[in-house]
Amino acid sequence: MRNTLGFGEDKLRRLAGSRSFDRGLGYLSSVYALEITERSITATVDGTDA
């Protein structure tokens, strides 16, 4: 995982907690409309509801 906005994988795992981080990895294939700016990252995740 690239270091984006100062967050690498290790830091994100610590901030989110291992359980939430691992759950989030399962959503990667459902992410679309990803937008990365200098200050934020936003996306839509397809699931029961977008």
N, C-alpha and C. Protein backbone atom coordinates (compact mmCIF):
# COMPACT_ATOMS: atom_id res chain seq x y z
N MET A 1 0.85 -1.18 0.00
CA MET A 1 0.00 0.00 0.00
C MET A 1 0.89 1.24 0.00
N ARG A 2 0.56 2.18 -0.88
CA ARG A 2 1.35 3.40 -0.95
C ARG A 2 1.11 4.28 0.28
N ASN A 3 2.06 5.14 0.53
CA ASN A 3 1.94 6.12 1.60
C ASN A 3 1.23 7.34 1.03
N THR A 4 -0.05 7.52 1.35
CA THR A 4 -0.86 8.62 0.86
C THR A 4 -1.31 9.48 2.02
N LEU A 5 -1.17 10.78 1.90
CA LEU A 5 -1.55 11.71 2.96
C LEU A 5 -0.84 11.39 4.28
N GLY A 6 0.35 10.83 4.20
CA GLY A 6 1.09 10.52 5.42
C GLY A 6 0.64 9.25 6.11
N PHE A 7 -0.25 8.49 5.49
CA PHE A 7 -0.74 7.26 6.08
C PHE A 7 -0.24 6.07 5.30
N GLY A 8 0.59 5.28 5.92
CA GLY A 8 1.00 4.01 5.35
C GLY A 8 0.13 2.92 5.96
N GLU A 9 0.30 1.71 5.50
CA GLU A 9 -0.52 0.60 5.99
C GLU A 9 -0.40 0.41 7.50
N ASP A 10 0.80 0.49 8.04
CA ASP A 10 0.98 0.29 9.48
C ASP A 10 0.23 1.33 10.30
N LYS A 11 0.33 2.59 9.89
CA LYS A 11 -0.34 3.66 10.63
C LYS A 11 -1.86 3.52 10.52
N LEU A 12 -2.35 3.22 9.33
CA LEU A 12 -3.80 3.03 9.16
C LEU A 12 -4.31 1.87 10.00
N ARG A 13 -3.56 0.78 10.05
CA ARG A 13 -3.96 -0.38 10.86
C ARG A 13 -4.03 0.00 12.34
N ARG A 14 -3.04 0.76 12.81
CA ARG A 14 -3.06 1.20 14.21
C ARG A 14 -4.24 2.12 14.50
N LEU A 15 -4.51 3.07 13.60
CA LEU A 15 -5.59 4.02 13.82
C LEU A 15 -6.97 3.36 13.73
N ALA A 16 -7.14 2.46 12.78
CA ALA A 16 -8.44 1.82 12.58
C ALA A 16 -8.66 0.64 13.52
N GLY A 17 -7.58 0.02 13.93
CA GLY A 17 -7.68 -1.24 14.66
C GLY A 17 -7.61 -2.38 13.67
N SER A 18 -6.98 -3.46 14.06
CA SER A 18 -6.76 -4.57 13.14
C SER A 18 -8.06 -5.14 12.58
N ARG A 19 -9.08 -5.27 13.41
CA ARG A 19 -10.35 -5.86 12.95
C ARG A 19 -10.99 -4.99 11.87
N SER A 20 -11.08 -3.68 12.12
CA SER A 20 -11.69 -2.79 11.13
C SER A 20 -10.85 -2.70 9.87
N PHE A 21 -9.54 -2.66 10.03
CA PHE A 21 -8.65 -2.59 8.87
C PHE A 21 -8.82 -3.82 8.00
N ASP A 22 -8.80 -5.00 8.61
CA ASP A 22 -8.94 -6.24 7.85
C ASP A 22 -10.31 -6.32 7.18
N ARG A 23 -11.34 -5.86 7.86
CA ARG A 23 -12.68 -5.84 7.26
C ARG A 23 -12.69 -4.92 6.05
N GLY A 24 -12.04 -3.78 6.16
CA GLY A 24 -11.97 -2.83 5.06
C GLY A 24 -11.29 -3.41 3.84
N LEU A 25 -10.28 -4.25 4.04
CA LEU A 25 -9.60 -4.87 2.91
C LEU A 25 -10.57 -5.69 2.06
N GLY A 26 -11.58 -6.26 2.70
CA GLY A 26 -12.57 -7.05 1.99
C GLY A 26 -13.44 -6.22 1.06
N TYR A 27 -13.47 -4.91 1.27
CA TYR A 27 -14.28 -4.02 0.45
C TYR A 27 -13.52 -3.47 -0.76
N LEU A 28 -12.24 -3.71 -0.86
CA LEU A 28 -11.44 -3.09 -1.92
C LEU A 28 -12.00 -3.32 -3.31
N SER A 29 -12.49 -4.49 -3.60
CA SER A 29 -13.00 -4.77 -4.95
C SER A 29 -14.34 -4.09 -5.21
N SER A 30 -14.96 -3.52 -4.18
CA SER A 30 -16.26 -2.85 -4.31
C SER A 30 -16.14 -1.33 -4.36
N VAL A 31 -14.92 -0.81 -4.33
CA VAL A 31 -14.70 0.64 -4.32
C VAL A 31 -14.72 1.18 -5.74
N TYR A 32 -15.46 2.29 -5.92
CA TYR A 32 -15.42 3.01 -7.19
C TYR A 32 -15.57 4.50 -6.89
N ALA A 33 -15.45 5.32 -7.88
CA ALA A 33 -15.54 6.78 -7.73
C ALA A 33 -14.51 7.27 -6.70
N LEU A 34 -13.31 6.73 -6.77
CA LEU A 34 -12.23 7.11 -5.86
C LEU A 34 -11.68 8.47 -6.26
N GLU A 35 -11.57 9.36 -5.28
CA GLU A 35 -11.01 10.69 -5.53
C GLU A 35 -9.98 11.00 -4.45
N ILE A 36 -8.77 11.27 -4.86
CA ILE A 36 -7.69 11.58 -3.93
C ILE A 36 -7.23 13.01 -4.20
N THR A 37 -7.27 13.84 -3.16
CA THR A 37 -6.77 15.21 -3.26
C THR A 37 -5.62 15.36 -2.28
N GLU A 38 -5.07 16.54 -2.19
CA GLU A 38 -3.97 16.77 -1.25
C GLU A 38 -4.41 16.61 0.19
N ARG A 39 -5.69 16.82 0.48
CA ARG A 39 -6.15 16.82 1.86
C ARG A 39 -7.16 15.73 2.21
N SER A 40 -7.65 15.00 1.22
CA SER A 40 -8.67 14.00 1.55
C SER A 40 -8.71 12.87 0.53
N ILE A 41 -9.34 11.79 0.94
CA ILE A 41 -9.61 10.67 0.06
C ILE A 41 -11.09 10.33 0.25
N THR A 42 -11.85 10.28 -0.85
CA THR A 42 -13.25 9.90 -0.78
C THR A 42 -13.52 8.84 -1.84
N ALA A 43 -14.51 8.01 -1.58
CA ALA A 43 -14.88 6.97 -2.52
C ALA A 43 -16.30 6.51 -2.21
N THR A 44 -16.88 5.82 -3.16
CA THR A 44 -18.16 5.15 -2.96
C THR A 44 -17.86 3.65 -2.94
N VAL A 45 -18.52 2.95 -2.02
CA VAL A 45 -18.34 1.51 -1.91
C VAL A 45 -19.68 0.85 -2.21
N ASP A 46 -19.70 -0.06 -3.18
CA ASP A 46 -20.92 -0.75 -3.56
C ASP A 46 -21.20 -1.84 -2.55
N GLY A 47 -22.39 -1.84 -2.02
CA GLY A 47 -22.82 -2.84 -1.06
C GLY A 47 -24.32 -2.93 -1.11
N THR A 48 -24.96 -3.12 0.04
CA THR A 48 -26.41 -3.11 0.11
C THR A 48 -26.92 -1.76 -0.40
N ASP A 49 -26.25 -0.68 0.03
CA ASP A 49 -26.51 0.68 -0.43
C ASP A 49 -25.16 1.28 -0.82
N ALA A 50 -25.17 2.19 -1.78
CA ALA A 50 -23.93 2.87 -2.15
C ALA A 50 -23.58 3.90 -1.08
